[in-house]
Amino acid sequence: MSALDSFIAGLPKAELHVHHVGSASPRIVAELAARHPDSPVPTDPEALADFFTFRDFAHFIEVYLSVVDLIRDAEDVRLLTYEVARDMARQNIRYAELTVTPYSSTRRGIPDVAFVEAIEDARKAAESELGVVLRWCFDIPGEAGLEAAEETTRIACDLKPDGLVSFGLGGPEIGVPRGQFKPYFDRAVAAGLHSVPHAGETTGPQTIWDALTELRAERIGHGTSATRDPRLLIPLEVCPTSNLATRAVTDLDRHPVREMVSAGVLVTINSDDPPMFGTDLNTEYGVAARLLELDAPGVAALAKNAVEASFMDTAGKAALRAEIDAYTAAWQG
């Protein structure tokens, strides 16, 4: 491990774009698959690695949904959520906005109240036992259409758990226009939630503009095409290895993160679906450090971007920035 890698490993961090089910570690996925033997998800670690080798974005969605199908009751939900936080704690992630897709579980028979209680119970335990603060982004699975949008909005606005801070839109972009979800985002924003849809990963900058004008986006998930329009300076949740795995970029060395930074965009670094992509947040910081030619203070500044773009309260932001500064100063000393 290089000196910079060691610095990254110990650096206090926030993560803003990471998916709930997509963060299931191979051990947990294998355990769930063993509990649900009718699933196509393999239990053998080598076979699981092959299963997670994506041909393209559509295949990624197919694999992702097969793992979603392993989450069948509230105990599965609670176990997964707490285990994700444990993995975050090992990486010194202090705060994370975890993207959760309630519709994927409620449509499989988990009652909405039981689902919310399970994630909230895990959230409280993670904070008290692991020191990881979790907040939720409830997102619409775009491929499931307006029925999913209605259900997600209802759960978000009616049940509104204490950890819920934002409202998102995931899934494929091609053939799923952003504008059709405007009424649902309007309701979520009126209920006090922040808007953070995915856009511009596998489509052009117009999709990002649609997210801004139709969905009132405050941050954009991925936004890899933002560099094609210099007017797009909205904060971005950048996930380099994910973009490579889903073929949104063809080569990490050609990732547009350099152009994003040069244009003055507030760039945050994230892992998206880390075990599925064979990565974690520390690895993504290493990738970004190489692409942006950053030293330890530069990486620390990048970490503070995530704090700035987060929906933490003022005191929480100040505390995490101070922790990053203290860690960096001690490292340099």
Protein backbone atom coordinates (compact mmCIF):
# COMPACT_ATOMS: atom_id res chain seq x y z
CA MET A 1 0.00 0.00 0.00
CA SER A 2 1.40 3.40 -0.99
CA ALA A 3 1.63 6.31 1.42
CA LEU A 4 -1.27 8.01 -0.35
CA ASP A 5 -3.37 4.84 -0.15
CA SER A 6 -2.67 4.70 3.59
CA PHE A 7 -3.75 8.32 3.91
CA ILE A 8 -6.97 7.61 2.03
CA ALA A 9 -7.71 4.55 4.16
CA GLY A 10 -7.61 6.59 7.36
CA LEU A 11 -9.24 9.72 5.98
CA PRO A 12 -12.66 10.53 7.50
CA LYS A 13 -15.12 10.60 4.61
CA ALA A 14 -18.69 11.20 3.54
CA GLU A 15 -20.38 9.35 0.70
CA LEU A 16 -23.36 10.68 -1.24
CA HIS A 17 -24.02 8.17 -4.01
CA VAL A 18 -24.17 4.58 -2.82
CA HIS A 19 -27.03 2.14 -3.22
CA HIS A 20 -28.55 0.07 -0.45
CA VAL A 21 -28.90 -3.33 -2.14
CA GLY A 22 -25.96 -2.55 -4.42
CA SER A 23 -23.73 -2.35 -1.34
CA ALA A 24 -24.43 -5.93 -0.27
CA SER A 25 -21.06 -7.59 0.33
CA PRO A 26 -20.39 -10.93 -1.40
CA ARG A 27 -20.65 -12.71 1.96
CA ILE A 28 -24.11 -11.28 2.62
CA VAL A 29 -25.25 -11.89 -0.95
CA ALA A 30 -24.10 -15.51 -0.70
CA GLU A 31 -25.83 -15.89 2.67
CA LEU A 32 -29.08 -14.50 1.31
CA ALA A 33 -28.83 -16.65 -1.81
CA ALA A 34 -28.37 -19.73 0.38
CA ARG A 35 -31.50 -18.73 2.33
CA HIS A 36 -33.43 -18.30 -0.92
CA PRO A 37 -32.29 -21.21 -3.14
CA ASP A 38 -34.83 -20.46 -5.86
CA SER A 39 -32.77 -17.36 -6.78
CA PRO A 40 -30.40 -17.43 -9.80
CA VAL A 41 -27.72 -15.74 -7.69
CA PRO A 42 -24.89 -18.23 -7.02
CA THR A 43 -23.54 -18.91 -3.54
CA ASP A 44 -20.01 -19.91 -4.57
CA PRO A 45 -17.61 -16.90 -4.33
CA GLU A 46 -15.97 -17.53 -7.73
CA ALA A 47 -19.31 -18.02 -9.44
CA LEU A 48 -20.58 -14.88 -7.69
CA ALA A 49 -17.64 -12.90 -9.13
CA ASP A 50 -18.50 -14.15 -12.63
CA PHE A 51 -22.16 -13.33 -12.06
CA PHE A 52 -21.16 -9.73 -11.26
CA THR A 53 -19.16 -9.29 -14.48
CA PHE A 54 -21.38 -6.97 -16.49
CA ARG A 55 -21.67 -6.97 -20.27
CA ASP A 56 -23.37 -3.57 -20.39
CA PHE A 57 -25.71 -1.31 -18.43
CA ALA A 58 -28.80 -3.37 -19.24
CA HIS A 59 -27.08 -6.51 -17.92
CA PHE A 60 -26.09 -4.64 -14.77
CA ILE A 61 -29.75 -3.76 -14.15
CA GLU A 62 -30.69 -7.42 -14.67
CA VAL A 63 -28.10 -8.60 -12.16
CA TYR A 64 -28.95 -5.83 -9.71
CA LEU A 65 -32.64 -6.77 -9.72
CA SER A 66 -31.81 -10.43 -9.11
CA VAL A 67 -30.00 -9.38 -5.94
CA VAL A 68 -32.93 -7.14 -4.99
CA ASP A 69 -35.06 -10.29 -5.14
CA LEU A 70 -32.99 -11.75 -2.29
CA ILE A 71 -34.35 -9.12 0.12
CA ARG A 72 -37.64 -10.78 1.03
CA ASP A 73 -38.50 -9.86 4.60
CA ALA A 74 -37.84 -7.15 7.15
CA GLU A 75 -35.02 -9.13 8.77
CA ASP A 76 -33.23 -9.31 5.40
CA VAL A 77 -33.61 -5.54 5.13
CA ARG A 78 -32.28 -4.88 8.63
CA LEU A 79 -29.36 -7.29 8.23
CA LEU A 80 -28.31 -5.81 4.91
CA THR A 81 -28.54 -2.22 6.14
CA TYR A 82 -26.48 -2.79 9.27
CA GLU A 83 -23.87 -4.81 7.36
CA VAL A 84 -23.49 -2.03 4.80
CA ALA A 85 -22.80 0.38 7.66
CA ARG A 86 -20.22 -2.02 9.08
CA ASP A 87 -18.36 -2.02 5.76
CA MET A 88 -18.51 1.78 5.73
CA ALA A 89 -17.06 1.98 9.23
CA ARG A 90 -14.06 -0.08 8.11
CA GLN A 91 -13.36 2.62 5.50
CA ASN A 92 -13.69 5.50 7.97
CA ILE A 93 -16.89 6.70 6.32
CA ARG A 94 -18.51 8.90 8.93
CA TYR A 95 -21.64 9.91 7.02
CA ALA A 96 -23.47 8.42 4.06
CA GLU A 97 -26.63 9.21 2.12
CA LEU A 98 -27.71 5.72 1.18
CA THR A 99 -29.99 5.39 -1.84
CA VAL A 100 -32.87 3.10 -0.89
CA THR A 101 -35.54 1.79 -3.26
CA PRO A 102 -38.59 0.93 -1.12
CA TYR A 103 -40.69 -0.10 -4.13
CA SER A 104 -38.34 -3.00 -4.90
CA SER A 105 -39.15 -4.48 -1.48
CA THR A 106 -42.81 -3.51 -1.05
CA ARG A 107 -43.76 -4.97 -4.42
CA ARG A 108 -42.23 -8.25 -3.24
CA GLY A 109 -44.52 -8.32 -0.23
CA ILE A 110 -42.62 -6.53 2.54
CA PRO A 111 -45.08 -4.13 4.20
CA ASP A 112 -44.02 -0.52 3.83
CA VAL A 113 -44.11 0.15 7.58
CA ALA A 114 -42.00 -2.94 8.30
CA PHE A 115 -39.49 -1.88 5.65
CA VAL A 116 -39.14 1.62 7.09
CA GLU A 117 -38.88 0.29 10.64
CA ALA A 118 -36.12 -2.12 9.57
CA ILE A 119 -33.91 0.52 7.96
CA GLU A 120 -34.52 2.95 10.81
CA ASP A 121 -33.61 0.33 13.42
CA ALA A 122 -30.40 -0.43 11.53
CA ARG A 123 -29.64 3.29 11.14
CA LYS A 124 -29.89 3.94 14.86
CA ALA A 125 -27.77 0.91 15.70
CA ALA A 126 -25.13 1.87 13.11
CA GLU A 127 -24.78 5.33 14.60
CA SER A 128 -24.58 4.20 18.22
CA GLU A 129 -22.49 1.06 17.69
CA LEU A 130 -20.36 1.87 14.62
CA GLY A 131 -20.20 5.67 14.55
CA VAL A 132 -21.63 5.81 11.03
CA VAL A 133 -24.39 8.35 10.39
CA LEU A 134 -26.79 7.10 7.73
CA ARG A 135 -29.35 9.18 5.90
CA TRP A 136 -31.77 7.97 3.23
CA CYS A 137 -32.47 8.94 -0.34
CA PHE A 138 -35.67 7.16 -1.42
CA ASP A 139 -35.46 6.68 -5.17
CA ILE A 140 -37.85 5.76 -7.93
CA PRO A 141 -36.69 2.79 -10.04
CA GLY A 142 -37.28 4.45 -13.39
CA GLU A 143 -37.69 1.21 -15.31
CA ALA A 144 -40.77 0.39 -13.17
CA GLY A 145 -42.65 3.46 -14.38
CA LEU A 146 -45.27 5.66 -12.78
CA GLU A 147 -46.69 2.98 -10.50
CA ALA A 148 -43.30 2.84 -8.78
CA ALA A 149 -43.14 6.63 -8.71
CA GLU A 150 -46.51 6.84 -6.95
CA GLU A 151 -45.60 4.17 -4.40
CA THR A 152 -42.19 5.68 -3.65
CA THR A 153 -43.66 9.15 -3.24
CA ARG A 154 -46.42 7.87 -0.98
CA ILE A 155 -44.00 6.05 1.31
CA ALA A 156 -41.62 9.01 1.39
CA CYS A 157 -44.25 11.62 2.11
CA ASP A 158 -46.63 9.63 4.34
CA LEU A 159 -44.18 7.57 6.40
CA LYS A 160 -41.19 9.94 6.14
CA PRO A 161 -38.68 8.23 8.43
CA ASP A 162 -36.39 10.38 10.54
CA GLY A 163 -33.36 9.50 8.39
CA LEU A 164 -34.95 10.51 5.08
CA VAL A 165 -33.37 13.61 3.51
CA SER A 166 -33.75 13.29 -0.26
CA PHE A 167 -35.66 11.88 -3.23
CA GLY A 168 -34.06 10.34 -6.30
CA LEU A 169 -34.53 8.57 -9.61
CA GLY A 170 -32.40 5.60 -10.67
CA GLY A 171 -32.39 2.86 -13.28
CA PRO A 172 -31.89 3.19 -17.03
CA GLU A 173 -32.09 6.62 -18.66
CA ILE A 174 -32.64 5.61 -22.28
CA GLY A 175 -36.37 5.37 -22.89
CA VAL A 176 -37.16 6.74 -19.42
CA PRO A 177 -37.62 10.51 -19.83
CA ARG A 178 -37.09 12.53 -16.67
CA GLY A 179 -40.06 14.84 -17.21
CA GLN A 180 -42.71 12.17 -16.57
CA PHE A 181 -41.64 12.11 -12.91
CA LYS A 182 -42.15 15.85 -12.33
CA PRO A 183 -45.39 15.56 -10.30
CA TYR A 184 -43.76 13.11 -7.91
CA PHE A 185 -40.66 15.21 -7.38
CA ASP A 186 -42.89 18.26 -6.86
CA ARG A 187 -44.66 16.41 -4.04
CA ALA A 188 -41.40 15.24 -2.49
CA VAL A 189 -39.84 18.70 -2.59
CA ALA A 190 -43.02 20.18 -1.09
CA ALA A 191 -42.63 17.66 1.74
CA GLY A 192 -39.17 19.05 2.46
CA LEU A 193 -37.00 16.53 0.61
CA HIS A 194 -33.99 17.39 -1.56
CA SER A 195 -33.95 16.35 -5.23
CA VAL A 196 -31.04 14.15 -6.35
CA PRO A 197 -31.90 12.23 -9.55
CA HIS A 198 -29.50 10.24 -11.69
CA ALA A 199 -28.97 11.85 -15.08
CA GLY A 200 -26.50 12.07 -17.92
CA GLU A 201 -24.68 8.80 -17.27
CA THR A 202 -25.67 6.94 -20.43
CA THR A 203 -27.35 9.88 -22.20
CA GLY A 204 -26.35 13.39 -23.17
CA PRO A 205 -26.49 16.68 -21.25
CA GLN A 206 -30.13 17.30 -22.17
CA THR A 207 -31.10 14.64 -19.63
CA ILE A 208 -29.27 16.64 -16.96
CA TRP A 209 -31.09 19.79 -18.04
CA ASP A 210 -34.38 17.86 -17.78
CA ALA A 211 -33.46 16.81 -14.25
CA LEU A 212 -32.73 20.42 -13.36
CA THR A 213 -35.76 22.04 -14.94
CA GLU A 214 -38.36 19.29 -14.45
CA LEU A 215 -37.20 17.58 -11.26
CA ARG A 216 -35.60 20.58 -9.50
CA ALA A 217 -32.32 18.68 -8.99
CA GLU A 218 -29.85 20.01 -6.40
CA ARG A 219 -27.20 17.39 -7.19
CA ILE A 220 -26.88 15.01 -10.11
CA GLY A 221 -26.08 11.32 -9.85
CA HIS A 222 -23.22 10.51 -12.26
CA GLY A 223 -23.62 13.32 -14.80
CA THR A 224 -20.77 12.00 -16.97
CA SER A 225 -22.04 13.95 -19.98
CA ALA A 226 -22.08 17.28 -18.10
CA THR A 227 -18.73 18.26 -19.60
CA ARG A 228 -20.41 18.47 -23.02
CA ASP A 229 -22.26 21.60 -21.87
CA PRO A 230 -20.12 24.18 -20.03
CA ARG A 231 -23.23 25.74 -18.47
CA LEU A 232 -23.81 22.64 -16.34
CA LEU A 233 -22.05 23.45 -13.07
CA ILE A 234 -24.33 21.58 -10.66
CA PRO A 235 -22.60 19.41 -7.99
CA LEU A 236 -21.99 15.91 -9.29
CA GLU A 237 -21.87 12.51 -7.61
CA VAL A 238 -19.05 10.93 -9.61
CA CYS A 239 -18.53 7.14 -9.53
CA PRO A 240 -15.53 6.32 -11.77
CA THR A 241 -15.34 2.52 -11.54
CA SER A 242 -19.12 2.22 -11.84
CA ASN A 243 -19.03 4.26 -15.04
CA LEU A 244 -16.43 1.86 -16.45
CA ALA A 245 -18.35 -1.26 -15.36
CA THR A 246 -21.59 -0.07 -16.95
CA ARG A 247 -19.70 1.08 -20.09
CA ALA A 248 -20.69 4.70 -19.55
CA VAL A 249 -16.97 5.35 -20.14
CA THR A 250 -14.71 3.07 -22.14
CA ASP A 251 -11.50 3.67 -20.21
CA LEU A 252 -10.86 5.10 -16.75
CA ASP A 253 -8.08 7.25 -18.17
CA ARG A 254 -10.71 8.89 -20.38
CA HIS A 255 -13.10 9.57 -17.54
CA PRO A 256 -14.32 13.20 -17.72
CA VAL A 257 -13.62 13.93 -14.03
CA ARG A 258 -10.63 16.12 -15.02
CA GLU A 259 -12.82 18.22 -17.28
CA MET A 260 -15.46 18.46 -14.54
CA VAL A 261 -12.93 19.82 -12.05
CA SER A 262 -11.39 22.16 -14.62
CA ALA A 263 -14.83 23.58 -15.38
CA GLY A 264 -15.36 24.45 -11.73
CA VAL A 265 -17.91 21.73 -10.95
CA LEU A 266 -18.16 20.62 -7.32
CA VAL A 267 -17.12 16.99 -7.74
CA THR A 268 -17.76 14.36 -5.08
CA ILE A 269 -16.33 10.84 -5.27
CA ASN A 270 -18.55 7.84 -4.63
CA SER A 271 -18.69 4.06 -5.05
CA ASP A 272 -22.29 3.51 -6.30
CA ASP A 273 -22.67 -0.30 -5.99
CA PRO A 274 -19.25 -1.15 -4.56
CA PRO A 275 -19.14 -4.95 -4.17
CA MET A 276 -20.89 -5.41 -7.50
CA PHE A 277 -18.17 -3.34 -9.18
CA GLY A 278 -15.29 -4.82 -7.18
CA THR A 279 -14.51 -1.52 -5.52
CA ASP A 280 -15.07 0.56 -2.38
CA LEU A 281 -14.89 4.25 -1.54
CA ASN A 282 -11.19 4.10 -0.64
CA THR A 283 -10.43 2.60 -4.04
CA GLU A 284 -12.47 5.30 -5.79
CA TYR A 285 -10.49 8.00 -3.98
CA GLY A 286 -7.32 6.32 -5.19
CA VAL A 287 -8.62 6.37 -8.76
CA ALA A 288 -9.58 10.03 -8.46
CA ALA A 289 -6.22 10.93 -6.91
CA ARG A 290 -4.44 9.35 -9.88
CA LEU A 291 -6.66 10.93 -12.52
CA LEU A 292 -6.51 14.37 -10.88
CA GLU A 293 -2.84 14.07 -9.82
CA LEU A 294 -3.66 14.84 -6.18
CA ASP A 295 -1.44 14.69 -3.11
CA ALA A 296 -2.77 14.11 0.42
CA PRO A 297 -4.04 17.69 0.92
CA GLY A 298 -5.69 17.51 -2.49
CA VAL A 299 -7.47 14.31 -1.56
CA ALA A 300 -8.57 15.90 1.72
CA ALA A 301 -10.01 18.83 -0.22
CA LEU A 302 -11.89 16.36 -2.42
CA ALA A 303 -13.29 14.70 0.71
CA LYS A 304 -14.50 18.07 1.95
CA ASN A 305 -16.41 18.51 -1.34
CA ALA A 306 -18.65 15.65 -0.27
CA VAL A 307 -19.23 17.29 3.10
CA GLU A 308 -20.11 20.56 1.37
CA ALA A 309 -22.53 18.92 -1.09
CA SER A 310 -24.17 16.73 1.57
CA PHE A 311 -27.45 17.39 3.34
CA MET A 312 -25.86 17.31 6.78
CA ASP A 313 -26.80 20.10 9.14
CA THR A 314 -24.37 22.98 9.67
CA ALA A 315 -22.93 21.57 12.88
CA GLY A 316 -22.38 18.15 11.33
CA LYS A 317 -20.59 19.64 8.34
CA ALA A 318 -18.34 21.75 10.57
CA ALA A 319 -17.47 18.75 12.73
CA LEU A 320 -16.57 16.50 9.81
CA ARG A 321 -14.54 19.22 8.07
CA ALA A 322 -12.63 19.78 11.31
CA GLU A 323 -11.97 16.05 11.61
CA ILE A 324 -10.65 15.91 8.04
CA ASP A 325 -8.39 18.93 8.70
CA ALA A 326 -7.07 17.48 11.96
CA TYR A 327 -6.34 14.12 10.33
CA THR A 328 -4.54 15.79 7.41
CA ALA A 329 -2.48 18.03 9.69
CA ALA A 330 -1.44 15.06 11.82
CA TRP A 331 -0.51 13.10 8.69
CA GLN A 332 1.63 15.92 7.36
CA GLY A 333 3.21 16.46 10.77
